[in-house]
């Protein structure tokens, strides 16, 4: 188990990818809350908040990511 106050986790949010299975999502949410106290579960179509865990469709999650300049090929 990881302490949510751990300095390595500050500013980071754990993400787990699941399909739309109710049992898979419920298991991921419970595990995320137990281990980290918060997080994001990427699904195929679900968009909702369950406690401190947000369910987000994968397409929405990916659309919200920004490019990190240190990983841009043109800088290598």
C-alpha atoms as a PDB file:
ATOM      1  CA  UNK A   1       0.000   0.000   0.000  1.00  0.00           C
ATOM      2  CA  UNK A   2       1.237   3.472  -0.905  1.00  0.00           C
ATOM      3  CA  UNK A   3       0.848   6.479   1.388  1.00  0.00           C
ATOM      4  CA  UNK A   4      -1.121   9.121  -0.547  1.00  0.00           C
ATOM      5  CA  UNK A   5       0.978  11.791   1.185  1.00  0.00           C
ATOM      6  CA  UNK A   6       4.210  10.297  -0.183  1.00  0.00           C
ATOM      7  CA  UNK A   7       6.320  13.033  -1.807  1.00  0.00           C
ATOM      8  CA  UNK A   8       6.724  10.962  -4.984  1.00  0.00           C
ATOM      9  CA  UNK A   9       2.938  11.006  -5.535  1.00  0.00           C
ATOM     10  CA  UNK A  10       2.366  14.722  -5.064  1.00  0.00           C
ATOM     11  CA  UNK A  11       1.101  16.244  -8.273  1.00  0.00           C
ATOM     12  CA  UNK A  12       0.569  12.828  -9.828  1.00  0.00           C
ATOM     13  CA  UNK A  13      -2.748  11.075 -10.302  1.00  0.00           C
ATOM     14  CA  UNK A  14      -2.883   7.303 -10.794  1.00  0.00           C
ATOM     15  CA  UNK A  15      -4.714   6.085 -13.925  1.00  0.00           C
ATOM     16  CA  UNK A  16      -6.077   2.617 -14.633  1.00  0.00           C
ATOM     17  CA  UNK A  17      -7.535   1.526 -17.969  1.00  0.00           C
ATOM     18  CA  UNK A  18     -10.653  -0.672 -18.003  1.00  0.00           C
ATOM     19  CA  UNK A  19     -13.404  -1.544 -20.445  1.00  0.00           C
ATOM     20  CA  UNK A  20     -17.058  -1.028 -19.553  1.00  0.00           C
ATOM     21  CA  UNK A  21     -17.506  -4.139 -17.384  1.00  0.00           C
ATOM     22  CA  UNK A  22     -19.333  -3.183 -14.164  1.00  0.00           C
ATOM     23  CA  UNK A  23     -17.279  -5.582 -12.065  1.00  0.00           C
ATOM     24  CA  UNK A  24     -13.989  -4.436 -13.620  1.00  0.00           C
ATOM     25  CA  UNK A  25     -14.810  -0.783 -13.021  1.00  0.00           C
ATOM     26  CA  UNK A  26     -16.016  -1.405  -9.446  1.00  0.00           C
ATOM     27  CA  UNK A  27     -12.853  -3.368  -8.688  1.00  0.00           C
ATOM     28  CA  UNK A  28     -10.635  -0.651 -10.161  1.00  0.00           C
ATOM     29  CA  UNK A  29     -12.415   2.090  -8.193  1.00  0.00           C
ATOM     30  CA  UNK A  30     -12.136   0.165  -4.912  1.00  0.00           C
ATOM     31  CA  UNK A  31      -8.459  -0.623  -5.519  1.00  0.00           C
ATOM     32  CA  UNK A  32      -7.678   2.979  -6.506  1.00  0.00           C
ATOM     33  CA  UNK A  33      -9.346   4.415  -3.390  1.00  0.00           C
ATOM     34  CA  UNK A  34      -7.717   1.848  -1.110  1.00  0.00           C
ATOM     35  CA  UNK A  35      -4.209   2.245  -2.538  1.00  0.00           C
ATOM     36  CA  UNK A  36      -4.036   5.915  -3.516  1.00  0.00           C
ATOM     37  CA  UNK A  37      -7.130   7.646  -2.123  1.00  0.00           C
ATOM     38  CA  UNK A  38      -7.930   9.089  -5.568  1.00  0.00           C
ATOM     39  CA  UNK A  39      -7.461   8.433  -9.243  1.00  0.00           C
ATOM     40  CA  UNK A  40      -8.819   8.168 -12.754  1.00  0.00           C
ATOM     41  CA  UNK A  41     -10.277   5.056 -14.360  1.00  0.00           C
ATOM     42  CA  UNK A  42     -10.273   5.281 -18.153  1.00  0.00           C
ATOM     43  CA  UNK A  43     -13.245   3.410 -19.664  1.00  0.00           C
ATOM     44  CA  UNK A  44     -14.791   3.025 -23.095  1.00  0.00           C
ATOM     45  CA  UNK A  45     -17.905   5.152 -22.501  1.00  0.00           C
ATOM     46  CA  UNK A  46     -18.508   5.925 -18.791  1.00  0.00           C
ATOM     47  CA  UNK A  47     -18.206   9.477 -17.492  1.00  0.00           C
ATOM     48  CA  UNK A  48     -18.939   9.865 -13.763  1.00  0.00           C
ATOM     49  CA  UNK A  49     -17.464  10.548 -10.338  1.00  0.00           C
ATOM     50  CA  UNK A  50     -17.350   7.853  -7.647  1.00  0.00           C
ATOM     51  CA  UNK A  51     -15.954   9.337  -4.461  1.00  0.00           C
ATOM     52  CA  UNK A  52     -12.404  10.494  -5.214  1.00  0.00           C
ATOM     53  CA  UNK A  53     -12.177   8.455  -8.419  1.00  0.00           C
ATOM     54  CA  UNK A  54     -13.281   9.820 -11.777  1.00  0.00           C
ATOM     55  CA  UNK A  55     -14.430   7.556 -14.619  1.00  0.00           C
ATOM     56  CA  UNK A  56     -13.522   9.094 -17.986  1.00  0.00           C
ATOM     57  CA  UNK A  57     -13.860   7.745 -21.526  1.00  0.00           C
ATOM     58  CA  UNK A  58     -10.420   6.976 -22.951  1.00  0.00           C
ATOM     59  CA  UNK A  59     -10.977   9.327 -25.911  1.00  0.00           C
ATOM     60  CA  UNK A  60     -11.664  12.237 -23.535  1.00  0.00           C
ATOM     61  CA  UNK A  61      -8.594  11.424 -21.437  1.00  0.00           C
ATOM     62  CA  UNK A  62      -6.321  11.271 -24.477  1.00  0.00           C
ATOM     63  CA  UNK A  63      -7.779  14.472 -25.956  1.00  0.00           C
ATOM     64  CA  UNK A  64      -6.924  16.299 -22.735  1.00  0.00           C
ATOM     65  CA  UNK A  65      -3.256  15.334 -22.695  1.00  0.00           C
ATOM     66  CA  UNK A  66      -0.736  17.933 -23.764  1.00  0.00           C
ATOM     67  CA  UNK A  67       2.551  17.241 -25.486  1.00  0.00           C
ATOM     68  CA  UNK A  68       5.569  17.198 -23.182  1.00  0.00           C
ATOM     69  CA  UNK A  69       8.339  19.188 -24.812  1.00  0.00           C
ATOM     70  CA  UNK A  70      11.075  16.954 -23.389  1.00  0.00           C
ATOM     71  CA  UNK A  71       9.606  14.026 -25.365  1.00  0.00           C
ATOM     72  CA  UNK A  72       9.173  15.822 -28.658  1.00  0.00           C
ATOM     73  CA  UNK A  73      11.172  14.121 -31.436  1.00  0.00           C
ATOM     74  CA  UNK A  74      12.317  17.454 -32.850  1.00  0.00           C
ATOM     75  CA  UNK A  75      14.282  18.147 -29.640  1.00  0.00           C
ATOM     76  CA  UNK A  76      16.277  14.911 -29.743  1.00  0.00           C
END
